[in-house]
Amino acid sequence: MGHPVFLYGAGGHAKVILELLEAEGRVIHGLFDDNATADNLFDYPVKPWPEGYSEGADCIISIGHNATRQKIAQKLEVPFTKASHPNSYLSPRCSLENGTVVMSGVSIHSGASIGRHCIINTHASVDHDCELGDFVHIAPRRGRHYPGGLDRTLGRDWRRRRHTEGCSRLCDGSRESGPAFFTHHKPG
């Protein structure tokens, strides 16, 4: 991963991604944040976009809110990269799209497909053949595990079914908690 990286967003999520990139041995050029309250984070410079952007540098959007991350991704015309903590397990048969970050302790197994600009947070597990759409944030509670198998896709137009009753939205910035089983939702 030879290109230098910059982050867009200089809040709490950026702190975790900075340390992840350091653990990977990546070159970090700095951070951009249009609403920054400080001019540096962990000794990396924080500037308003696009002051100081270097052509050829890759970007990761370091903002936890899904809808905000999506708006910024649509606005920026830069190459995006992905990052995964060395203390995570990624099957050689899984796929990750650019913009996605995989935190420490994560397991992503064979056949799993992770979309663009996703956050797979600390100690989450995505099992075989699961599909996560773009801009999804998986944040485990009490050892959350997303089991593999039939029809386990998560993202736009998909719903969470809790114990076969009571569906609720799970993408576009919403949060989920409790035991979850994922089933396809066909509109109409």
Foldseek 3Di string as FASTA:
>chain_A
DAAEEEEEDDDDLVVQVVVQCVQVVHHHQAYEYQPDPDQHDPPGGYYHPPVPPDARHAYAYRDLFLQVNVVVVVVDPHHFAETEHPQEAEEPQEEEDGNEYHGHQEYEEHLEYEEHNEYEDHNEYEYHNEYEYHSAYHDDDPRHYAYDDPAHYYDPQWWWADPNDDIDHRDNRDHDDDDTHTHGHDDD
